[in-house]
Amino acid sequence: MATLSGLDYIGLAAHNRISTWRYFVNKLLRSLLKAGVYFLEQSDRNTADMADRVKDRVQNLSRRARHAIYGQEDHTIRNAISFAAGIGLGIGVGMLLAPSPGEESRSSIVGKVHDFGDKVRERFSPEVKKPATGTEGM
């Protein structure tokens, strides 16, 4: 059986103190890390709630500002365009389903489409009309 000498005993005691010290430091660090994680999680929850409240307030303010700047939304133009489109669609379907003969209906539709196309071409034509000089045809 081996006995410990004085130096060996001091070394063992120092080793035990260092091990004990490391154990307590590790425990302390783990506790601090757990506390830090807990506080971060709490701040994340509070931040998310606050972000939702800020978002709601900004949306409400934006809605109120839009109403103050532009006033009540007016759908008059949209309703008038929808009404005109409905009338045009009704006339087109009525012409197709009219009791007149098919050839007569088709020629009427073709004529109206050509007239409309001519009007559009005249209005948006890139040609510049020359003023009359009184010498044309001479």
C-alpha atoms as a PDB file:
ATOM      1  CA  MET A   1       0.000   0.000   0.000  1.00  0.00           C
ATOM      2  CA  ALA A   2       1.396   3.309  -0.979  1.00  0.00           C
ATOM      3  CA  THR A   3       1.386   6.222   1.373  1.00  0.00           C
ATOM      4  CA  LEU A   4       1.230   9.804   0.237  1.00  0.00           C
ATOM      5  CA  SER A   5       4.186  11.968   0.894  1.00  0.00           C
ATOM      6  CA  GLY A   6       3.749  15.568   2.008  1.00  0.00           C
ATOM      7  CA  LEU A   7       4.113  16.981  -1.507  1.00  0.00           C
ATOM      8  CA  ASP A   8       1.743  14.451  -2.956  1.00  0.00           C
ATOM      9  CA  TYR A   9      -0.810  15.312  -0.285  1.00  0.00           C
ATOM     10  CA  ILE A  10      -0.530  19.061  -1.011  1.00  0.00           C
ATOM     11  CA  GLY A  11      -0.853  18.389  -4.754  1.00  0.00           C
ATOM     12  CA  LEU A  12      -3.950  16.256  -4.201  1.00  0.00           C
ATOM     13  CA  ALA A  13      -5.516  18.885  -1.968  1.00  0.00           C
ATOM     14  CA  ALA A  14      -4.779  21.593  -4.549  1.00  0.00           C
ATOM     15  CA  HIS A  15      -6.237  19.408  -7.273  1.00  0.00           C
ATOM     16  CA  ASN A  16      -9.408  18.867  -5.215  1.00  0.00           C
ATOM     17  CA  ARG A  17      -9.743  22.613  -4.604  1.00  0.00           C
ATOM     18  CA  ILE A  18      -9.332  23.335  -8.316  1.00  0.00           C
ATOM     19  CA  SER A  19     -11.901  20.658  -9.198  1.00  0.00           C
ATOM     20  CA  THR A  20     -14.321  22.059  -6.648  1.00  0.00           C
ATOM     21  CA  TRP A  21     -13.697  25.564  -7.951  1.00  0.00           C
ATOM     22  CA  ARG A  22     -14.330  24.459 -11.559  1.00  0.00           C
ATOM     23  CA  TYR A  23     -17.508  22.696 -10.493  1.00  0.00           C
ATOM     24  CA  PHE A  24     -18.898  25.843  -8.827  1.00  0.00           C
ATOM     25  CA  VAL A  25     -17.800  28.097 -11.710  1.00  0.00           C
ATOM     26  CA  ASN A  26     -19.489  25.763 -14.204  1.00  0.00           C
ATOM     27  CA  LYS A  27     -22.667  25.754 -12.114  1.00  0.00           C
ATOM     28  CA  LEU A  28     -22.589  29.538 -11.849  1.00  0.00           C
ATOM     29  CA  LEU A  29     -22.049  29.971 -15.594  1.00  0.00           C
ATOM     30  CA  ARG A  30     -24.886  27.570 -16.415  1.00  0.00           C
ATOM     31  CA  SER A  31     -27.217  29.448 -14.076  1.00  0.00           C
ATOM     32  CA  LEU A  32     -26.239  32.781 -15.636  1.00  0.00           C
ATOM     33  CA  LEU A  33     -26.747  31.428 -19.143  1.00  0.00           C
ATOM     34  CA  LYS A  34     -30.162  30.016 -18.229  1.00  0.00           C
ATOM     35  CA  ALA A  35     -31.160  33.365 -16.710  1.00  0.00           C
ATOM     36  CA  GLY A  36     -29.961  35.193 -19.834  1.00  0.00           C
ATOM     37  CA  VAL A  37     -31.918  32.886 -22.120  1.00  0.00           C
ATOM     38  CA  TYR A  38     -35.020  33.347 -19.946  1.00  0.00           C
ATOM     39  CA  PHE A  39     -34.732  37.145 -20.109  1.00  0.00           C
ATOM     40  CA  LEU A  40     -34.211  37.049 -23.879  1.00  0.00           C
ATOM     41  CA  GLU A  41     -37.301  34.892 -24.339  1.00  0.00           C
ATOM     42  CA  GLN A  42     -39.333  37.264 -22.187  1.00  0.00           C
ATOM     43  CA  SER A  43     -38.122  40.263 -24.154  1.00  0.00           C
ATOM     44  CA  ASP A  44     -38.959  38.485 -27.439  1.00  0.00           C
ATOM     45  CA  ARG A  45     -42.527  37.884 -26.253  1.00  0.00           C
ATOM     46  CA  ASN A  46     -42.916  41.466 -25.085  1.00  0.00           C
ATOM     47  CA  THR A  47     -41.353  42.794 -28.272  1.00  0.00           C
ATOM     48  CA  ALA A  48     -43.710  40.746 -30.452  1.00  0.00           C
ATOM     49  CA  ASP A  49     -46.737  42.061 -28.546  1.00  0.00           C
ATOM     50  CA  MET A  50     -45.451  45.611 -28.814  1.00  0.00           C
ATOM     51  CA  ALA A  51     -44.716  45.193 -32.534  1.00  0.00           C
ATOM     52  CA  ASP A  52     -48.302  44.023 -33.100  1.00  0.00           C
ATOM     53  CA  ARG A  53     -49.677  47.025 -31.230  1.00  0.00           C
ATOM     54  CA  VAL A  54     -47.439  49.423 -33.198  1.00  0.00           C
ATOM     55  CA  LYS A  55     -48.468  47.793 -36.476  1.00  0.00           C
ATOM     56  CA  ASP A  56     -52.163  48.180 -35.608  1.00  0.00           C
ATOM     57  CA  ARG A  57     -51.681  51.825 -34.673  1.00  0.00           C
ATOM     58  CA  VAL A  58     -49.765  52.583 -37.867  1.00  0.00           C
ATOM     59  CA  GLN A  59     -52.459  50.926 -39.994  1.00  0.00           C
ATOM     60  CA  ASN A  60     -55.167  52.882 -38.182  1.00  0.00           C
ATOM     61  CA  LEU A  61     -53.260  56.149 -38.605  1.00  0.00           C
ATOM     62  CA  SER A  62     -52.662  55.387 -42.293  1.00  0.00           C
ATOM     63  CA  ARG A  63     -56.351  54.654 -42.840  1.00  0.00           C
ATOM     64  CA  ARG A  64     -57.365  57.898 -41.082  1.00  0.00           C
ATOM     65  CA  ALA A  65     -54.787  59.937 -43.056  1.00  0.00           C
ATOM     66  CA  ARG A  66     -55.959  58.449 -46.368  1.00  0.00           C
ATOM     67  CA  HIS A  67     -59.557  59.294 -45.457  1.00  0.00           C
ATOM     68  CA  ALA A  68     -58.561  62.852 -44.469  1.00  0.00           C
ATOM     69  CA  ILE A  69     -56.559  63.422 -47.677  1.00  0.00           C
ATOM     70  CA  TYR A  70     -58.769  61.729 -50.261  1.00  0.00           C
ATOM     71  CA  GLY A  71     -62.129  61.876 -48.505  1.00  0.00           C
ATOM     72  CA  GLN A  72     -64.806  59.245 -48.906  1.00  0.00           C
ATOM     73  CA  GLU A  73     -64.098  56.795 -51.718  1.00  0.00           C
ATOM     74  CA  ASP A  74     -66.199  57.569 -54.769  1.00  0.00           C
ATOM     75  CA  HIS A  75     -67.158  54.711 -57.057  1.00  0.00           C
ATOM     76  CA  THR A  76     -69.161  56.797 -59.538  1.00  0.00           C
ATOM     77  CA  ILE A  77     -66.782  56.362 -62.473  1.00  0.00           C
ATOM     78  CA  ARG A  78     -66.393  52.640 -61.857  1.00  0.00           C
ATOM     79  CA  ASN A  79     -70.177  52.230 -61.662  1.00  0.00           C
ATOM     80  CA  ALA A  80     -70.716  54.272 -64.854  1.00  0.00           C
ATOM     81  CA  ILE A  81     -68.154  52.199 -66.771  1.00  0.00           C
ATOM     82  CA  SER A  82     -69.720  48.966 -65.514  1.00  0.00           C
ATOM     83  CA  PHE A  83     -73.165  50.224 -66.538  1.00  0.00           C
ATOM     84  CA  ALA A  84     -71.936  51.175 -70.044  1.00  0.00           C
ATOM     85  CA  ALA A  85     -70.198  47.824 -70.463  1.00  0.00           C
ATOM     86  CA  GLY A  86     -73.400  46.050 -69.446  1.00  0.00           C
ATOM     87  CA  ILE A  87     -75.425  48.036 -71.967  1.00  0.00           C
ATOM     88  CA  GLY A  88     -72.887  47.301 -74.719  1.00  0.00           C
ATOM     89  CA  LEU A  89     -72.894  43.606 -73.880  1.00  0.00           C
ATOM     90  CA  GLY A  90     -76.702  43.547 -73.858  1.00  0.00           C
ATOM     91  CA  ILE A  91     -76.898  45.241 -77.250  1.00  0.00           C
ATOM     92  CA  GLY A  92     -74.354  42.823 -78.710  1.00  0.00           C
ATOM     93  CA  VAL A  93     -76.174  39.752 -77.411  1.00  0.00           C
ATOM     94  CA  GLY A  94     -79.493  41.226 -78.544  1.00  0.00           C
ATOM     95  CA  MET A  95     -78.178  41.725 -82.051  1.00  0.00           C
ATOM     96  CA  LEU A  96     -76.847  38.190 -82.198  1.00  0.00           C
ATOM     97  CA  LEU A  97     -80.110  36.723 -80.955  1.00  0.00           C
ATOM     98  CA  ALA A  98     -82.407  39.053 -82.960  1.00  0.00           C
ATOM     99  CA  PRO A  99     -84.992  37.443 -85.226  1.00  0.00           C
ATOM    100  CA  SER A 100     -83.462  39.014 -88.374  1.00  0.00           C
ATOM    101  CA  PRO A 101     -81.728  36.642 -90.773  1.00  0.00           C
ATOM    102  CA  GLY A 102     -78.139  35.680 -89.916  1.00  0.00           C
ATOM    103  CA  GLU A 103     -76.575  37.249 -93.004  1.00  0.00           C
ATOM    104  CA  GLU A 104     -78.274  40.565 -92.346  1.00  0.00           C
ATOM    105  CA  SER A 105     -77.169  40.562 -88.651  1.00  0.00           C
ATOM    106  CA  ARG A 106     -73.609  39.684 -89.546  1.00  0.00           C
ATOM    107  CA  SER A 107     -73.345  42.366 -92.239  1.00  0.00           C
ATOM    108  CA  SER A 108     -74.791  44.930 -89.832  1.00  0.00           C
ATOM    109  CA  ILE A 109     -72.226  43.991 -87.162  1.00  0.00           C
ATOM    110  CA  VAL A 110     -69.370  44.043 -89.690  1.00  0.00           C
ATOM    111  CA  GLY A 111     -70.440  47.464 -90.966  1.00  0.00           C
ATOM    112  CA  LYS A 112     -70.601  48.931 -87.477  1.00  0.00           C
ATOM    113  CA  VAL A 113     -67.191  47.490 -86.582  1.00  0.00           C
ATOM    114  CA  HIS A 114     -65.675  48.989 -89.753  1.00  0.00           C
ATOM    115  CA  ASP A 115     -67.289  52.376 -89.048  1.00  0.00           C
ATOM    116  CA  PHE A 116     -65.921  52.326 -85.509  1.00  0.00           C
ATOM    117  CA  GLY A 117     -62.452  51.365 -86.775  1.00  0.00           C
ATOM    118  CA  ASP A 118     -62.514  54.217 -89.303  1.00  0.00           C
ATOM    119  CA  LYS A 119     -63.458  56.718 -86.586  1.00  0.00           C
ATOM    120  CA  VAL A 120     -60.596  55.492 -84.380  1.00  0.00           C
ATOM    121  CA  ARG A 121     -58.112  55.723 -87.258  1.00  0.00           C
ATOM    122  CA  GLU A 122     -59.239  59.251 -88.101  1.00  0.00           C
ATOM    123  CA  ARG A 123     -58.936  60.401 -84.525  1.00  0.00           C
ATOM    124  CA  PHE A 124     -55.521  58.883 -83.791  1.00  0.00           C
ATOM    125  CA  SER A 125     -53.989  59.149 -87.244  1.00  0.00           C
ATOM    126  CA  PRO A 126     -50.364  60.371 -87.221  1.00  0.00           C
ATOM    127  CA  GLU A 127     -50.894  62.161 -90.546  1.00  0.00           C
ATOM    128  CA  VAL A 128     -50.941  65.927 -90.260  1.00  0.00           C
ATOM    129  CA  LYS A 129     -53.674  67.379 -92.414  1.00  0.00           C
ATOM    130  CA  LYS A 130     -52.356  70.086 -94.721  1.00  0.00           C
ATOM    131  CA  PRO A 131     -54.314  73.310 -94.881  1.00  0.00           C
ATOM    132  CA  ALA A 132     -56.212  73.814 -98.073  1.00  0.00           C
ATOM    133  CA  THR A 133     -54.404  76.077-100.545  1.00  0.00           C
ATOM    134  CA  GLY A 134     -57.086  76.231-103.197  1.00  0.00           C
ATOM    135  CA  THR A 135     -54.736  74.772-105.829  1.00  0.00           C
ATOM    136  CA  GLU A 136     -55.565  71.086-105.356  1.00  0.00           C
ATOM    137  CA  GLY A 137     -57.000  69.471-108.455  1.00  0.00           C
ATOM    138  CA  MET A 138     -55.679  72.078-110.896  1.00  0.00           C
END
